[in-house]
PDB file of N, CA and C in Angstrom:
ATOM      1  N   MET A   1     -32.617   4.875  11.253  1.00  0.00           N
ATOM      2  CA  MET A   1     -31.453   5.670  11.570  1.00  0.00           C
ATOM      3  C   MET A   1     -31.661   6.324  12.930  1.00  0.00           C
ATOM      4  N   VAL A   2     -30.624   6.382  13.693  1.00  0.00           N
ATOM      5  CA  VAL A   2     -30.674   6.968  15.032  1.00  0.00           C
ATOM      6  C   VAL A   2     -30.128   8.379  14.959  1.00  0.00           C
ATOM      7  N   TRP A   3     -30.846   9.321  15.545  1.00  0.00           N
ATOM      8  CA  TRP A   3     -30.395  10.710  15.547  1.00  0.00           C
ATOM      9  C   TRP A   3     -29.824  11.047  16.908  1.00  0.00           C
ATOM     10  N   LEU A   4     -28.808  11.817  16.889  1.00  0.00           N
ATOM     11  CA  LEU A   4     -28.171  12.257  18.123  1.00  0.00           C
ATOM     12  C   LEU A   4     -28.601  13.698  18.379  1.00  0.00           C
ATOM     13  N   TRP A   5     -29.285  13.916  19.472  1.00  0.00           N
ATOM     14  CA  TRP A   5     -29.779  15.253  19.781  1.00  0.00           C
ATOM     15  C   TRP A   5     -28.764  15.975  20.646  1.00  0.00           C
ATOM     16  N   LEU A   6     -28.415  17.168  20.239  1.00  0.00           N
ATOM     17  CA  LEU A   6     -27.473  17.996  20.988  1.00  0.00           C
ATOM     18  C   LEU A   6     -28.191  19.230  21.511  1.00  0.00           C
ATOM     19  N   THR A   7     -27.782  19.678  22.643  1.00  0.00           N
ATOM     20  CA  THR A   7     -28.323  20.928  23.162  1.00  0.00           C
ATOM     21  C   THR A   7     -27.445  22.063  22.651  1.00  0.00           C
ATOM     22  N   TYR A   8     -28.036  23.081  22.137  1.00  0.00           N
ATOM     23  CA  TYR A   8     -27.304  24.204  21.572  1.00  0.00           C
ATOM     24  C   TYR A   8     -27.068  25.276  22.632  1.00  0.00           C
ATOM     25  N   LEU A   9     -25.939  25.912  22.530  1.00  0.00           N
ATOM     26  CA  LEU A   9     -25.598  26.982  23.462  1.00  0.00           C
ATOM     27  C   LEU A   9     -26.268  28.282  23.046  1.00  0.00           C
ATOM     28  N   LYS A  10     -26.595  29.077  24.019  1.00  0.00           N
ATOM     29  CA  LYS A  10     -27.151  30.389  23.722  1.00  0.00           C
ATOM     30  C   LYS A  10     -26.010  31.318  23.336  1.00  0.00           C
ATOM     31  N   PRO A  11     -26.267  32.382  22.574  1.00  0.00           N
ATOM     32  CA  PRO A  11     -25.200  33.290  22.139  1.00  0.00           C
ATOM     33  C   PRO A  11     -24.373  33.873  23.272  1.00  0.00           C
ATOM     34  N   LYS A  12     -24.952  34.099  24.444  1.00  0.00           N
ATOM     35  CA  LYS A  12     -24.177  34.684  25.538  1.00  0.00           C
ATOM     36  C   LYS A  12     -23.165  33.682  26.099  1.00  0.00           C
ATOM     37  N   ASP A  13     -23.393  32.386  25.929  1.00  0.00           N
ATOM     38  CA  ASP A  13     -22.477  31.373  26.432  1.00  0.00           C
ATOM     39  C   ASP A  13     -21.182  31.303  25.612  1.00  0.00           C
ATOM     40  N   TYR A  14     -21.200  31.813  24.397  1.00  0.00           N
ATOM     41  CA  TYR A  14     -20.008  31.738  23.541  1.00  0.00           C
ATOM     42  C   TYR A  14     -18.881  32.599  24.079  1.00  0.00           C
ATOM     43  N   THR A  15     -19.202  33.672  24.772  1.00  0.00           N
ATOM     44  CA  THR A  15     -18.131  34.521  25.305  1.00  0.00           C
ATOM     45  C   THR A  15     -17.370  33.805  26.413  1.00  0.00           C
ATOM     46  N   GLU A  16     -18.058  32.987  27.168  1.00  0.00           N
ATOM     47  CA  GLU A  16     -17.403  32.237  28.235  1.00  0.00           C
ATOM     48  C   GLU A  16     -16.534  31.118  27.666  1.00  0.00           C
ATOM     49  N   LEU A  17     -16.907  30.611  26.495  1.00  0.00           N
ATOM     50  CA  LEU A  17     -16.185  29.496  25.875  1.00  0.00           C
ATOM     51  C   LEU A  17     -15.363  29.963  24.674  1.00  0.00           C
ATOM     52  N   SER A  18     -14.740  31.135  24.790  1.00  0.00           N
ATOM     53  CA  SER A  18     -14.009  31.680  23.642  1.00  0.00           C
ATOM     54  C   SER A  18     -12.774  30.845  23.291  1.00  0.00           C
ATOM     55  N   PHE A  19     -12.263  30.053  24.244  1.00  0.00           N
ATOM     56  CA  PHE A  19     -11.092  29.234  23.949  1.00  0.00           C
ATOM     57  C   PHE A  19     -11.428  28.116  22.957  1.00  0.00           C
ATOM     58  N   LEU A  20     -12.695  27.760  22.817  1.00  0.00           N
ATOM     59  CA  LEU A  20     -13.095  26.702  21.884  1.00  0.00           C
ATOM     60  C   LEU A  20     -13.057  27.164  20.430  1.00  0.00           C
ATOM     61  N   THR A  21     -13.141  28.458  20.197  1.00  0.00           N
ATOM     62  CA  THR A  21     -13.180  28.941  18.819  1.00  0.00           C
ATOM     63  C   THR A  21     -11.828  28.823  18.137  1.00  0.00           C
ATOM     64  N   VAL A  22     -10.759  28.691  18.905  1.00  0.00           N
ATOM     65  CA  VAL A  22      -9.425  28.574  18.332  1.00  0.00           C
ATOM     66  C   VAL A  22      -9.239  27.181  17.730  1.00  0.00           C
ATOM     67  N   ARG A  23      -9.758  26.169  18.400  1.00  0.00           N
ATOM     68  CA  ARG A  23      -9.617  24.798  17.925  1.00  0.00           C
ATOM     69  C   ARG A  23     -10.598  24.521  16.796  1.00  0.00           C
ATOM     70  N   ARG A  24     -10.236  23.605  15.959  1.00  0.00           N
ATOM     71  CA  ARG A  24     -11.121  23.177  14.873  1.00  0.00           C
ATOM     72  C   ARG A  24     -11.980  22.032  15.393  1.00  0.00           C
ATOM     73  N   LEU A  25     -13.275  22.224  15.440  1.00  0.00           N
ATOM     74  CA  LEU A  25     -14.182  21.238  16.010  1.00  0.00           C
ATOM     75  C   LEU A  25     -14.783  20.372  14.911  1.00  0.00           C
ATOM     76  N   PRO A  26     -15.033  19.095  15.202  1.00  0.00           N
ATOM     77  CA  PRO A  26     -15.667  18.227  14.212  1.00  0.00           C
ATOM     78  C   PRO A  26     -17.106  18.639  13.951  1.00  0.00           C
ATOM     79  N   ASP A  27     -17.577  18.263  12.791  1.00  0.00           N
ATOM     80  CA  ASP A  27     -18.939  18.580  12.387  1.00  0.00           C
ATOM     81  C   ASP A  27     -19.928  17.698  13.154  1.00  0.00           C
ATOM     82  N   LEU A  28     -21.160  18.125  13.226  1.00  0.00           N
ATOM     83  CA  LEU A  28     -22.210  17.358  13.896  1.00  0.00           C
ATOM     84  C   LEU A  28     -22.398  16.001  13.230  1.00  0.00           C
ATOM     85  N   ARG A  29     -22.251  15.953  11.890  1.00  0.00           N
ATOM     86  CA  ARG A  29     -22.441  14.689  11.174  1.00  0.00           C
ATOM     87  C   ARG A  29     -21.402  13.638  11.571  1.00  0.00           C
ATOM     88  N   THR A  30     -20.207  14.085  11.990  1.00  0.00           N
ATOM     89  CA  THR A  30     -19.177  13.145  12.430  1.00  0.00           C
ATOM     90  C   THR A  30     -19.657  12.368  13.644  1.00  0.00           C
ATOM     91  N   PHE A  31     -20.203  13.073  14.612  1.00  0.00           N
ATOM     92  CA  PHE A  31     -20.704  12.408  15.815  1.00  0.00           C
ATOM     93  C   PHE A  31     -21.926  11.551  15.508  1.00  0.00           C
ATOM     94  N   THR A  32     -22.768  12.045  14.618  1.00  0.00           N
ATOM     95  CA  THR A  32     -23.960  11.285  14.248  1.00  0.00           C
ATOM     96  C   THR A  32     -23.568   9.983  13.562  1.00  0.00           C
ATOM     97  N   ASN A  33     -22.615  10.064  12.626  1.00  0.00           N
ATOM     98  CA  ASN A  33     -22.181   8.857  11.923  1.00  0.00           C
ATOM     99  C   ASN A  33     -21.491   7.878  12.862  1.00  0.00           C
ATOM    100  N   CYS A  34     -20.683   8.386  13.776  1.00  0.00           N
ATOM    101  CA  CYS A  34     -20.013   7.511  14.751  1.00  0.00           C
ATOM    102  C   CYS A  34     -21.033   6.802  15.631  1.00  0.00           C
ATOM    103  N   HIS A  35     -22.032   7.537  16.081  1.00  0.00           N
ATOM    104  CA  HIS A  35     -23.059   6.950  16.929  1.00  0.00           C
ATOM    105  C   HIS A  35     -23.847   5.884  16.166  1.00  0.00           C
ATOM    106  N   CYS A  36     -24.216   6.172  14.929  1.00  0.00           N
ATOM    107  CA  CYS A  36     -24.969   5.210  14.117  1.00  0.00           C
ATOM    108  C   CYS A  36     -24.141   3.963  13.840  1.00  0.00           C
ATOM    109  N   HIS A  37     -22.872   4.151  13.527  1.00  0.00           N
ATOM    110  CA  HIS A  37     -22.001   3.009  13.230  1.00  0.00           C
ATOM    111  C   HIS A  37     -21.794   2.150  14.477  1.00  0.00           C
ATOM    112  N   LEU A  38     -21.621   2.785  15.617  1.00  0.00           N
ATOM    113  CA  LEU A  38     -21.449   2.058  16.863  1.00  0.00           C
ATOM    114  C   LEU A  38     -22.723   1.303  17.229  1.00  0.00           C
ATOM    115  N   HIS A  39     -23.861   1.924  16.999  1.00  0.00           N
ATOM    116  CA  HIS A  39     -25.136   1.283  17.311  1.00  0.00           C
ATOM    117  C   HIS A  39     -25.393   0.099  16.376  1.00  0.00           C
ATOM    118  N   GLU A  40     -25.021   0.246  15.095  1.00  0.00           N
ATOM    119  CA  GLU A  40     -25.309  -0.802  14.113  1.00  0.00           C
ATOM    120  C   GLU A  40     -24.339  -1.979  14.223  1.00  0.00           C
ATOM    121  N   TYR A  41     -23.033  -1.711  14.353  1.00  0.00           N
ATOM    122  CA  TYR A  41     -22.033  -2.775  14.332  1.00  0.00           C
ATOM    123  C   TYR A  41     -21.467  -3.108  15.714  1.00  0.00           C
ATOM    124  N   GLY A  42     -21.646  -2.237  16.675  1.00  0.00           N
ATOM    125  CA  GLY A  42     -21.137  -2.497  18.008  1.00  0.00           C
ATOM    126  C   GLY A  42     -19.661  -2.190  18.174  1.00  0.00           C
ATOM    127  N   LYS A  43     -19.030  -1.584  17.171  1.00  0.00           N
ATOM    128  CA  LYS A  43     -17.612  -1.225  17.254  1.00  0.00           C
ATOM    129  C   LYS A  43     -17.327  -0.080  16.289  1.00  0.00           C
ATOM    130  N   PHE A  44     -16.192   0.548  16.461  1.00  0.00           N
ATOM    131  CA  PHE A  44     -15.825   1.678  15.616  1.00  0.00           C
ATOM    132  C   PHE A  44     -15.028   1.260  14.384  1.00  0.00           C
ATOM    133  N   GLU A  45     -14.553   0.019  14.337  1.00  0.00           N
ATOM    134  CA  GLU A  45     -13.767  -0.431  13.193  1.00  0.00           C
ATOM    135  C   GLU A  45     -14.640  -0.470  11.946  1.00  0.00           C
ATOM    136  N   THR A  46     -14.039  -0.171  10.818  1.00  0.00           N
ATOM    137  CA  THR A  46     -14.782  -0.208   9.572  1.00  0.00           C
ATOM    138  C   THR A  46     -14.979  -1.651   9.139  1.00  0.00           C
ATOM    139  N   VAL A  47     -16.105  -1.922   8.562  1.00  0.00           N
ATOM    140  CA  VAL A  47     -16.419  -3.259   8.085  1.00  0.00           C
ATOM    141  C   VAL A  47     -16.067  -3.307   6.605  1.00  0.00           C
ATOM    142  N   THR A  48     -15.084  -4.131   6.247  1.00  0.00           N
ATOM    143  CA  THR A  48     -14.679  -4.247   4.847  1.00  0.00           C
ATOM    144  C   THR A  48     -15.139  -5.593   4.319  1.00  0.00           C
ATOM    145  N   LYS A  49     -15.904  -5.543   3.274  1.00  0.00           N
ATOM    146  CA  LYS A  49     -16.385  -6.756   2.630  1.00  0.00           C
ATOM    147  C   LYS A  49     -15.835  -6.782   1.213  1.00  0.00           C
ATOM    148  N   ASN A  50     -14.954  -7.718   0.953  1.00  0.00           N
ATOM    149  CA  ASN A  50     -14.351  -7.867  -0.376  1.00  0.00           C
ATOM    150  C   ASN A  50     -13.745  -6.564  -0.863  1.00  0.00           C
ATOM    151  N   ALA A  51     -12.988  -5.910  -0.007  1.00  0.00           N
ATOM    152  CA  ALA A  51     -12.391  -4.632  -0.356  1.00  0.00           C
ATOM    153  C   ALA A  51     -11.073  -4.852  -1.083  1.00  0.00           C
ATOM    154  N   GLY A  52     -10.829  -4.075  -2.094  1.00  0.00           N
ATOM    155  CA  GLY A  52      -9.572  -4.151  -2.821  1.00  0.00           C
ATOM    156  C   GLY A  52      -9.543  -5.311  -3.799  1.00  0.00           C
ATOM    157  N   ARG A  53      -8.413  -5.438  -4.457  1.00  0.00           N
ATOM    158  CA  ARG A  53      -8.318  -6.522  -5.424  1.00  0.00           C
ATOM    159  C   ARG A  53      -7.668  -7.723  -4.759  1.00  0.00           C
ATOM    160  N   SER A  54      -7.910  -8.879  -5.325  1.00  0.00           N
ATOM    161  CA  SER A  54      -7.394 -10.099  -4.718  1.00  0.00           C
ATOM    162  C   SER A  54      -5.887 -10.179  -4.893  1.00  0.00           C
ATOM    163  N   ARG A  55      -5.230 -10.823  -3.961  1.00  0.00           N
ATOM    164  CA  ARG A  55      -3.780 -10.925  -3.949  1.00  0.00           C
ATOM    165  C   ARG A  55      -3.298 -12.296  -4.412  1.00  0.00           C
ATOM    166  N   ASP A  56      -4.051 -12.943  -5.277  1.00  0.00           N
ATOM    167  CA  ASP A  56      -3.664 -14.275  -5.712  1.00  0.00           C
ATOM    168  C   ASP A  56      -2.664 -14.255  -6.864  1.00  0.00           C
ATOM    169  N   ILE A  57      -2.212 -13.077  -7.284  1.00  0.00           N
ATOM    170  CA  ILE A  57      -1.269 -12.976  -8.399  1.00  0.00           C
ATOM    171  C   ILE A  57       0.114 -13.478  -7.987  1.00  0.00           C
ATOM    172  N   ARG A  58       0.483 -13.318  -6.716  1.00  0.00           N
ATOM    173  CA  ARG A  58       1.805 -13.754  -6.248  1.00  0.00           C
ATOM    174  C   ARG A  58       1.725 -15.132  -5.613  1.00  0.00           C
ATOM    175  N   ASN A  59       1.162 -16.075  -6.325  1.00  0.00           N
ATOM    176  CA  ASN A  59       1.086 -17.430  -5.809  1.00  0.00           C
ATOM    177  C   ASN A  59       2.357 -18.185  -6.175  1.00  0.00           C
ATOM    178  N   PRO A  60       2.593 -19.344  -5.605  1.00  0.00           N
ATOM    179  CA  PRO A  60       3.836 -20.079  -5.870  1.00  0.00           C
ATOM    180  C   PRO A  60       4.041 -20.450  -7.342  1.00  0.00           C
ATOM    181  N   VAL A  61       2.951 -20.668  -8.072  1.00  0.00           N
ATOM    182  CA  VAL A  61       3.087 -21.026  -9.488  1.00  0.00           C
ATOM    183  C   VAL A  61       3.645 -19.848 -10.279  1.00  0.00           C
ATOM    184  N   THR A  62       3.125 -18.656 -10.028  1.00  0.00           N
ATOM    185  CA  THR A  62       3.621 -17.465 -10.728  1.00  0.00           C
ATOM    186  C   THR A  62       5.070 -17.196 -10.355  1.00  0.00           C
ATOM    187  N   LYS A  63       5.411 -17.363  -9.085  1.00  0.00           N
ATOM    188  CA  LYS A  63       6.798 -17.161  -8.654  1.00  0.00           C
ATOM    189  C   LYS A  63       7.719 -18.133  -9.372  1.00  0.00           C
ATOM    190  N   GLU A  64       7.272 -19.376  -9.493  1.00  0.00           N
ATOM    191  CA  GLU A  64       8.091 -20.392 -10.161  1.00  0.00           C
ATOM    192  C   GLU A  64       8.264 -20.075 -11.643  1.00  0.00           C
ATOM    193  N   GLN A  65       7.193 -19.588 -12.283  1.00  0.00           N
ATOM    194  CA  GLN A  65       7.287 -19.205 -13.700  1.00  0.00           C
ATOM    195  C   GLN A  65       8.284 -18.064 -13.888  1.00  0.00           C
ATOM    196  N   ILE A  66       8.247 -17.086 -12.996  1.00  0.00           N
ATOM    197  CA  ILE A  66       9.165 -15.951 -13.094  1.00  0.00           C
ATOM    198  C   ILE A  66      10.608 -16.426 -12.946  1.00  0.00           C
ATOM    199  N   LEU A  67      10.852 -17.264 -11.943  1.00  0.00           N
ATOM    200  CA  LEU A  67      12.218 -17.753 -11.713  1.00  0.00           C
ATOM    201  C   LEU A  67      12.696 -18.646 -12.852  1.00  0.00           C
ATOM    202  N   ASN A  68      11.799 -19.447 -13.443  1.00  0.00           N
ATOM    203  CA  ASN A  68      12.184 -20.286 -14.581  1.00  0.00           C
ATOM    204  C   ASN A  68      12.566 -19.440 -15.788  1.00  0.00           C
ATOM    205  N   LEU A  69      11.807 -18.385 -16.049  1.00  0.00           N
ATOM    206  CA  LEU A  69      12.138 -17.505 -17.176  1.00  0.00           C
ATOM    207  C   LEU A  69      13.484 -16.825 -16.964  1.00  0.00           C
ATOM    208  N   ILE A  70      13.777 -16.441 -15.742  1.00  0.00           N
ATOM    209  CA  ILE A  70      15.061 -15.793 -15.461  1.00  0.00           C
ATOM    210  C   ILE A  70      16.196 -16.797 -15.592  1.00  0.00           C
ATOM    211  N   ASP A  71      15.962 -18.047 -15.162  1.00  0.00           N
ATOM    212  CA  ASP A  71      16.999 -19.075 -15.299  1.00  0.00           C
ATOM    213  C   ASP A  71      17.280 -19.383 -16.768  1.00  0.00           C
ATOM    214  N   GLU A  72      16.216 -19.411 -17.594  1.00  0.00           N
ATOM    215  CA  GLU A  72      16.395 -19.709 -19.018  1.00  0.00           C
ATOM    216  C   GLU A  72      17.168 -18.600 -19.726  1.00  0.00           C
ATOM    217  N   ASN A  73      16.788 -17.361 -19.454  1.00  0.00           N
ATOM    218  CA  ASN A  73      17.430 -16.236 -20.125  1.00  0.00           C
ATOM    219  C   ASN A  73      17.592 -15.089 -19.130  1.00  0.00           C
ATOM    220  N   PRO A  74      18.758 -14.977 -18.504  1.00  0.00           N
ATOM    221  CA  PRO A  74      18.940 -13.922 -17.498  1.00  0.00           C
ATOM    222  C   PRO A  74      18.975 -12.516 -18.084  1.00  0.00           C
ATOM    223  N   ARG A  75      19.076 -12.381 -19.401  1.00  0.00           N
ATOM    224  CA  ARG A  75      19.113 -11.057 -20.015  1.00  0.00           C
ATOM    225  C   ARG A  75      17.725 -10.478 -20.280  1.00  0.00           C
ATOM    226  N   LEU A  76      16.685 -11.258 -20.015  1.00  0.00           N
ATOM    227  CA  LEU A  76      15.327 -10.737 -20.199  1.00  0.00           C
ATOM    228  C   LEU A  76      15.071  -9.615 -19.202  1.00  0.00           C
ATOM    229  N   GLY A  77      14.383  -8.595 -19.642  1.00  0.00           N
ATOM    230  CA  GLY A  77      14.034  -7.489 -18.759  1.00  0.00           C
ATOM    231  C   GLY A  77      12.747  -7.757 -18.016  1.00  0.00           C
ATOM    232  N   THR A  78      12.511  -6.978 -16.993  1.00  0.00           N
ATOM    233  CA  THR A  78      11.295  -7.171 -16.202  1.00  0.00           C
ATOM    234  C   THR A  78      10.045  -6.813 -16.996  1.00  0.00           C
ATOM    235  N   ARG A  79      10.161  -5.896 -17.926  1.00  0.00           N
ATOM    236  CA  ARG A  79       9.005  -5.552 -18.762  1.00  0.00           C
ATOM    237  C   ARG A  79       8.604  -6.728 -19.643  1.00  0.00           C
ATOM    238  N   GLN A  80       9.578  -7.374 -20.240  1.00  0.00           N
ATOM    239  CA  GLN A  80       9.282  -8.509 -21.111  1.00  0.00           C
ATOM    240  C   GLN A  80       8.659  -9.659 -20.323  1.00  0.00           C
ATOM    241  N   ILE A  81       9.222  -9.943 -19.175  1.00  0.00           N
ATOM    242  CA  ILE A  81       8.695 -11.050 -18.379  1.00  0.00           C
ATOM    243  C   ILE A  81       7.288 -10.726 -17.877  1.00  0.00           C
ATOM    244  N   SER A  82       7.078  -9.503 -17.426  1.00  0.00           N
ATOM    245  CA  SER A  82       5.749  -9.146 -16.922  1.00  0.00           C
ATOM    246  C   SER A  82       4.707  -9.172 -18.040  1.00  0.00           C
ATOM    247  N   ASN A  83       5.095  -8.774 -19.248  1.00  0.00           N
ATOM    248  CA  ASN A  83       4.161  -8.855 -20.373  1.00  0.00           C
ATOM    249  C   ASN A  83       3.870 -10.298 -20.752  1.00  0.00           C
ATOM    250  N   ASN A  84       4.880 -11.157 -20.718  1.00  0.00           N
ATOM    251  CA  ASN A  84       4.683 -12.566 -21.068  1.00  0.00           C
ATOM    252  C   ASN A  84       3.772 -13.275 -20.072  1.00  0.00           C
ATOM    253  N   LEU A  85       3.924 -12.984 -18.808  1.00  0.00           N
ATOM    254  CA  LEU A  85       3.154 -13.686 -17.775  1.00  0.00           C
ATOM    255  C   LEU A  85       1.857 -12.986 -17.407  1.00  0.00           C
ATOM    256  N   GLY A  86       1.708 -11.735 -17.793  1.00  0.00           N
ATOM    257  CA  GLY A  86       0.484 -11.006 -17.475  1.00  0.00           C
ATOM    258  C   GLY A  86       0.422 -10.510 -16.041  1.00  0.00           C
ATOM    259  N   VAL A  87       1.574 -10.231 -15.463  1.00  0.00           N
ATOM    260  CA  VAL A  87       1.624  -9.671 -14.110  1.00  0.00           C
ATOM    261  C   VAL A  87       2.228  -8.274 -14.196  1.00  0.00           C
ATOM    262  N   SER A  88       2.025  -7.496 -13.157  1.00  0.00           N
ATOM    263  CA  SER A  88       2.568  -6.138 -13.176  1.00  0.00           C
ATOM    264  C   SER A  88       4.071  -6.165 -12.934  1.00  0.00           C
ATOM    265  N   GLN A  89       4.709  -5.084 -13.319  1.00  0.00           N
ATOM    266  CA  GLN A  89       6.154  -5.005 -13.160  1.00  0.00           C
ATOM    267  C   GLN A  89       6.540  -4.896 -11.688  1.00  0.00           C
ATOM    268  N   SER A  90       5.700  -4.267 -10.885  1.00  0.00           N
ATOM    269  CA  SER A  90       5.996  -4.180  -9.457  1.00  0.00           C
ATOM    270  C   SER A  90       5.917  -5.562  -8.801  1.00  0.00           C
ATOM    271  N   THR A  91       5.008  -6.405  -9.264  1.00  0.00           N
ATOM    272  CA  THR A  91       4.954  -7.780  -8.765  1.00  0.00           C
ATOM    273  C   THR A  91       6.225  -8.517  -9.130  1.00  0.00           C
ATOM    274  N   MET A  92       6.706  -8.273 -10.343  1.00  0.00           N
ATOM    275  CA  MET A  92       7.966  -8.888 -10.772  1.00  0.00           C
ATOM    276  C   MET A  92       9.093  -8.509  -9.822  1.00  0.00           C
ATOM    277  N   TRP A  93       9.200  -7.203  -9.518  1.00  0.00           N
ATOM    278  CA  TRP A  93      10.271  -6.735  -8.643  1.00  0.00           C
ATOM    279  C   TRP A  93      10.157  -7.349  -7.256  1.00  0.00           C
ATOM    280  N   ARG A  94       8.936  -7.461  -6.732  1.00  0.00           N
ATOM    281  CA  ARG A  94       8.756  -8.034  -5.398  1.00  0.00           C
ATOM    282  C   ARG A  94       9.211  -9.488  -5.347  1.00  0.00           C
ATOM    283  N   VAL A  95       8.870 -10.250  -6.391  1.00  0.00           N
ATOM    284  CA  VAL A  95       9.285 -11.654  -6.430  1.00  0.00           C
ATOM    285  C   VAL A  95      10.799 -11.745  -6.537  1.00  0.00           C
ATOM    286  N   LEU A  96      11.395 -10.915  -7.385  1.00  0.00           N
ATOM    287  CA  LEU A  96      12.842 -10.958  -7.550  1.00  0.00           C
ATOM    288  C   LEU A  96      13.560 -10.578  -6.257  1.00  0.00           C
ATOM    289  N   TYR A  97      13.075  -9.550  -5.569  1.00  0.00           N
ATOM    290  CA  TYR A  97      13.697  -9.149  -4.312  1.00  0.00           C
ATOM    291  C   TYR A  97      13.498 -10.197  -3.223  1.00  0.00           C
ATOM    292  N   GLU A  98      12.366 -10.891  -3.285  1.00  0.00           N
ATOM    293  CA  GLU A  98      12.101 -11.936  -2.299  1.00  0.00           C
ATOM    294  C   GLU A  98      13.135 -13.058  -2.393  1.00  0.00           C
ATOM    295  N   PHE A  99      13.571 -13.348  -3.629  1.00  0.00           N
ATOM    296  CA  PHE A  99      14.577 -14.389  -3.836  1.00  0.00           C
ATOM    297  C   PHE A  99      15.985 -13.812  -3.969  1.00  0.00           C
ATOM    298  N   ARG A 100      16.152 -12.578  -3.533  1.00  0.00           N
ATOM    299  CA  ARG A 100      17.444 -11.881  -3.508  1.00  0.00           C
ATOM    300  C   ARG A 100      18.118 -11.833  -4.880  1.00  0.00           C
ATOM    301  N   LEU A 101      17.320 -11.555  -5.886  1.00  0.00           N
ATOM    302  CA  LEU A 101      17.840 -11.345  -7.237  1.00  0.00           C
ATOM    303  C   LEU A 101      17.764  -9.855  -7.518  1.00  0.00           C
ATOM    304  N   TYR A 102      18.909  -9.235  -7.716  1.00  0.00           N
ATOM    305  CA  TYR A 102      18.977  -7.794  -7.896  1.00  0.00           C
ATOM    306  C   TYR A 102      19.518  -7.482  -9.284  1.00  0.00           C
ATOM    307  N   PRO A 103      19.053  -6.398  -9.885  1.00  0.00           N
ATOM    308  CA  PRO A 103      19.538  -6.044 -11.218  1.00  0.00           C
ATOM    309  C   PRO A 103      20.965  -5.503 -11.167  1.00  0.00           C
ATOM    310  N   TYR A 104      21.665  -5.760 -12.209  1.00  0.00           N
ATOM    311  CA  TYR A 104      23.007  -5.206 -12.314  1.00  0.00           C
ATOM    312  C   TYR A 104      23.360  -5.080 -13.794  1.00  0.00           C
ATOM    313  N   HIS A 105      24.293  -4.225 -14.095  1.00  0.00           N
ATOM    314  CA  HIS A 105      24.836  -4.070 -15.435  1.00  0.00           C
ATOM    315  C   HIS A 105      26.292  -4.508 -15.375  1.00  0.00           C
ATOM    316  N   VAL A 106      26.674  -5.298 -16.361  1.00  0.00           N
ATOM    317  CA  VAL A 106      28.067  -5.722 -16.427  1.00  0.00           C
ATOM    318  C   VAL A 106      28.899  -4.511 -16.808  1.00  0.00           C
ATOM    319  N   GLN A 107      29.927  -4.235 -16.026  1.00  0.00           N
ATOM    320  CA  GLN A 107      30.791  -3.107 -16.298  1.00  0.00           C
ATOM    321  C   GLN A 107      32.114  -3.614 -16.857  1.00  0.00           C
ATOM    322  N   HIS A 108      32.441  -3.135 -18.036  1.00  0.00           N
ATOM    323  CA  HIS A 108      33.706  -3.506 -18.645  1.00  0.00           C
ATOM    324  C   HIS A 108      34.780  -2.550 -18.145  1.00  0.00           C
ATOM    325  N   VAL A 109      35.796  -3.087 -17.567  1.00  0.00           N
ATOM    326  CA  VAL A 109      36.893  -2.269 -17.077  1.00  0.00           C
ATOM    327  C   VAL A 109      38.161  -2.655 -17.837  1.00  0.00           C
ATOM    328  N   GLN A 110      39.144  -1.810 -17.737  1.00  0.00           N
ATOM    329  CA  GLN A 110      40.393  -2.078 -18.437  1.00  0.00           C
ATOM    330  C   GLN A 110      41.111  -3.241 -17.757  1.00  0.00           C
ATOM    331  N   GLY A 111      41.474  -4.237 -18.550  1.00  0.00           N
ATOM    332  CA  GLY A 111      42.143  -5.396 -18.006  1.00  0.00           C
ATOM    333  C   GLY A 111      43.612  -5.139 -17.772  1.00  0.00           C
ATOM    334  N   LEU A 112      44.146  -5.718 -16.714  1.00  0.00           N
ATOM    335  CA  LEU A 112      45.563  -5.597 -16.403  1.00  0.00           C
ATOM    336  C   LEU A 112      46.265  -6.871 -16.843  1.00  0.00           C
ATOM    337  N   PRO A 113      47.412  -6.740 -17.465  1.00  0.00           N
ATOM    338  CA  PRO A 113      48.164  -7.946 -17.836  1.00  0.00           C
ATOM    339  C   PRO A 113      48.612  -8.701 -16.589  1.00  0.00           C
ATOM    340  N   SER A 114      48.794  -9.978 -16.725  1.00  0.00           N
ATOM    341  CA  SER A 114      49.113 -10.816 -15.572  1.00  0.00           C
ATOM    342  C   SER A 114      50.480 -10.468 -14.984  1.00  0.00           C
ATOM    343  N   GLN A 115      51.398  -9.885 -15.761  1.00  0.00           N
ATOM    344  CA  GLN A 115      52.727  -9.545 -15.227  1.00  0.00           C
ATOM    345  C   GLN A 115      52.687  -8.398 -14.243  1.00  0.00           C
ATOM    346  N   GLU A 116      51.629  -7.570 -14.265  1.00  0.00           N
ATOM    347  CA  GLU A 116      51.536  -6.467 -13.327  1.00  0.00           C
ATOM    348  C   GLU A 116      51.097  -6.915 -11.945  1.00  0.00           C
ATOM    349  N   PHE A 117      50.537  -8.111 -11.840  1.00  0.00           N
ATOM    350  CA  PHE A 117      50.099  -8.626 -10.542  1.00  0.00           C
ATOM    351  C   PHE A 117      51.274  -9.164  -9.724  1.00  0.00           C
ATOM    352  N   THR A 118      52.354  -9.520 -10.376  1.00  0.00           N
ATOM    353  CA  THR A 118      53.466 -10.145  -9.658  1.00  0.00           C
ATOM    354  C   THR A 118      54.411  -9.140  -9.063  1.00  0.00           C
TER     355      THR A 118
END
């Protein structure tokens, strides 16, 4: 591990630098960690190795299964389909929105007789 040595100010120097006390300064460990990370990897970007969960759930086969289930029975809810296929409900919504399928409720309105249109 590489240590970063800092020179400390004497107490009398703090009066000259009183404007620094207003700002919130980073901790010494922040600079030490940045220096070590830069020395080890040569860059400030974080190195992610297998971070997060895999995104293979929204593959074309799953999308096709979702669309087939909706074609077979359009009255199925997203909860039922997600439980049947083993995918999350948010994945269901993303696939449906991707294919421009939006939820709606059929609204029954009062019908007008055909003679009122003429």
